[in-house]
Amino acid sequence: MILGSGIHEGLLLKPVIYPWAYDLYNQAVANTWFPNEIQLDEDLADFSRMTPDEHHALTHLMSYFNPNELLVNKALAFGVYPYVNAAECHLYLAKQMWEEANHCMAFEYVLETSRSTATRPTAPTSTSRRWPARSPSRWPSSSG
């Protein structure tokens, strides 16, 4: 049974009861990416050509994505995960929750990298797993 209390059952991965869920988990793992490995050079060049109003609109819109990604994460964690019994479904849901957090970090990465274009003209290389230095202010101010 795929749904239930999620506590007493689903403690063993094998035998897999729902192969589709296990396949989705493996596909998600194969598609793993990291925001700081994405080159933003062209995006930063486009960003620098925006008008102040375009810049303001884009940064404000992007700043709203972060809390919404975290809301999706909480909905999965508290509204779905506790009621699923199958271990392979737990694997997939856990990977999806990680993806939501990764999306949040991707929006943060773009916002913060675009703020530092004056001091840091290029994004980190794909061999770097370290985040570039960030300004203390993360979110656009309401005054623009």
Protein backbone atom coordinates (compact mmCIF):
# COMPACT_ATOMS: atom_id res chain seq x y z
CA MET A 1 0.00 0.00 0.00
CA ILE A 2 1.43 3.36 -1.05
CA LEU A 3 -0.43 5.42 1.57
CA GLY A 4 -0.69 4.87 5.31
CA SER A 5 0.99 6.03 8.48
CA GLY A 6 4.43 5.94 6.88
CA ILE A 7 6.00 4.83 10.16
CA HIS A 8 5.68 1.07 10.56
CA GLU A 9 5.93 0.09 6.91
CA GLY A 10 8.31 1.02 4.14
CA LEU A 11 11.51 0.43 6.04
CA LEU A 12 12.99 -1.87 3.39
CA LEU A 13 13.77 -0.79 -0.15
CA LYS A 14 13.83 -4.30 -1.61
CA PRO A 15 11.70 -5.76 -2.99
CA VAL A 16 10.61 -2.62 -4.82
CA ILE A 17 6.82 -2.49 -4.82
CA TYR A 18 6.41 0.56 -7.08
CA PRO A 19 9.03 0.40 -9.85
CA TRP A 20 7.76 3.68 -11.37
CA ALA A 21 8.68 5.53 -8.15
CA TYR A 22 12.12 3.91 -8.05
CA ASP A 23 12.63 4.82 -11.73
CA LEU A 24 11.61 8.44 -11.03
CA TYR A 25 14.09 8.59 -8.15
CA ASN A 26 16.93 7.26 -10.33
CA GLN A 27 16.02 9.68 -13.11
CA ALA A 28 16.02 12.59 -10.64
CA VAL A 29 19.44 11.58 -9.33
CA ALA A 30 20.79 11.38 -12.90
CA ASN A 31 19.53 14.92 -13.51
CA THR A 32 21.16 16.44 -10.43
CA TRP A 33 22.65 19.90 -10.95
CA PHE A 34 24.14 22.61 -8.77
CA PRO A 35 23.36 26.31 -9.21
CA ASN A 36 26.92 27.50 -8.67
CA GLU A 37 28.13 25.33 -11.55
CA ILE A 38 26.03 27.23 -14.08
CA GLN A 39 27.89 29.89 -16.01
CA LEU A 40 26.01 33.19 -15.85
CA ASP A 41 28.24 35.29 -18.09
CA GLU A 42 25.63 35.82 -20.82
CA ASP A 43 22.88 36.37 -18.27
CA LEU A 44 24.98 38.93 -16.42
CA ALA A 45 25.68 40.73 -19.68
CA ASP A 46 21.93 40.85 -20.38
CA PHE A 47 21.29 41.95 -16.82
CA SER A 48 23.72 44.86 -17.16
CA ARG A 49 21.85 46.11 -20.25
CA MET A 50 18.47 46.26 -18.48
CA THR A 51 16.85 49.54 -17.61
CA PRO A 52 16.52 50.32 -13.89
CA ASP A 53 12.80 49.47 -14.07
CA GLU A 54 13.51 46.11 -15.76
CA HIS A 55 16.21 45.35 -13.22
CA HIS A 56 13.87 46.24 -10.35
CA ALA A 57 11.03 44.09 -11.75
CA LEU A 58 13.24 41.08 -12.38
CA THR A 59 14.94 41.09 -9.00
CA HIS A 60 11.64 41.54 -7.17
CA LEU A 61 9.98 38.71 -9.11
CA MET A 62 12.91 36.39 -8.51
CA SER A 63 13.00 37.25 -4.81
CA TYR A 64 9.44 35.95 -4.48
CA PHE A 65 10.36 32.54 -5.89
CA ASN A 66 12.54 31.57 -2.91
CA PRO A 67 9.82 31.47 -0.24
CA ASN A 68 7.49 29.72 -2.66
CA GLU A 69 10.03 26.97 -3.32
CA LEU A 70 10.36 26.53 0.42
CA LEU A 71 6.57 26.34 0.76
CA VAL A 72 6.50 23.50 -1.77
CA ASN A 73 9.26 21.81 0.21
CA LYS A 74 7.28 22.10 3.46
CA ALA A 75 4.11 20.85 1.77
CA LEU A 76 5.94 17.73 0.61
CA ALA A 77 7.70 17.24 3.95
CA PHE A 78 4.69 17.69 6.21
CA GLY A 79 1.71 17.09 3.94
CA VAL A 80 2.79 14.08 1.88
CA TYR A 81 5.95 12.36 3.15
CA PRO A 82 4.58 11.26 6.57
CA TYR A 83 1.68 9.43 4.93
CA VAL A 84 3.61 7.44 2.35
CA ASN A 85 4.57 3.86 3.17
CA ALA A 86 6.69 2.69 0.23
CA ALA A 87 10.43 3.17 0.66
CA GLU A 88 10.97 3.92 -3.04
CA CYS A 89 8.35 6.67 -2.80
CA HIS A 90 10.20 8.08 0.22
CA LEU A 91 13.37 8.16 -1.86
CA TYR A 92 11.69 10.07 -4.64
CA LEU A 93 9.96 12.53 -2.30
CA ALA A 94 13.24 13.17 -0.46
CA LYS A 95 14.97 13.90 -3.78
CA GLN A 96 12.12 16.20 -4.79
CA MET A 97 12.42 18.09 -1.49
CA TRP A 98 16.14 18.48 -2.17
CA GLU A 99 15.29 19.81 -5.65
CA GLU A 100 12.98 22.45 -4.16
CA ALA A 101 15.79 23.58 -1.86
CA ASN A 102 18.15 23.58 -4.84
CA HIS A 103 15.73 25.78 -6.79
CA CYS A 104 15.70 28.21 -3.88
CA MET A 105 19.50 28.33 -3.91
CA ALA A 106 19.49 28.81 -7.70
CA PHE A 107 17.32 31.92 -7.42
CA GLU A 108 19.52 33.16 -4.57
CA TYR A 109 22.64 32.51 -6.64
CA VAL A 110 21.31 34.52 -9.59
CA LEU A 111 20.15 37.38 -7.37
CA GLU A 112 23.39 37.62 -5.46
CA THR A 113 25.64 37.11 -8.47
CA SER A 114 23.81 39.81 -10.40
CA ARG A 115 24.38 42.21 -7.48
CA SER A 116 28.12 41.59 -7.52
CA THR A 117 28.74 42.16 -11.25
CA ALA A 118 30.64 45.35 -10.54
CA THR A 119 33.19 43.51 -8.41
CA ARG A 120 32.93 40.01 -9.88
CA PRO A 121 32.39 40.01 -13.65
CA THR A 122 32.19 36.24 -14.12
CA ALA A 123 30.40 33.38 -12.42
CA PRO A 124 32.38 30.66 -10.65
CA THR A 125 33.80 27.91 -12.83
CA SER A 126 32.20 24.48 -12.96
CA THR A 127 35.17 23.07 -11.03
CA SER A 128 34.41 25.34 -8.10
CA ARG A 129 31.88 24.22 -5.52
CA ARG A 130 32.42 27.34 -3.44
CA TRP A 131 29.97 30.19 -3.57
CA PRO A 132 31.40 33.59 -4.47
CA ALA A 133 31.56 36.31 -1.86
CA ARG A 134 28.14 37.81 -1.28
CA SER A 135 26.85 41.17 -0.25
CA PRO A 136 25.07 41.25 3.12
CA SER A 137 21.81 42.38 1.53
CA ARG A 138 20.06 39.46 -0.17
CA TRP A 139 16.73 40.85 -1.22
CA PRO A 140 15.90 43.88 -3.29
CA SER A 141 14.69 46.82 -1.28
CA SER A 142 11.17 48.05 -1.80
CA SER A 143 12.55 51.46 -2.74
CA GLY A 144 14.34 50.05 -5.79
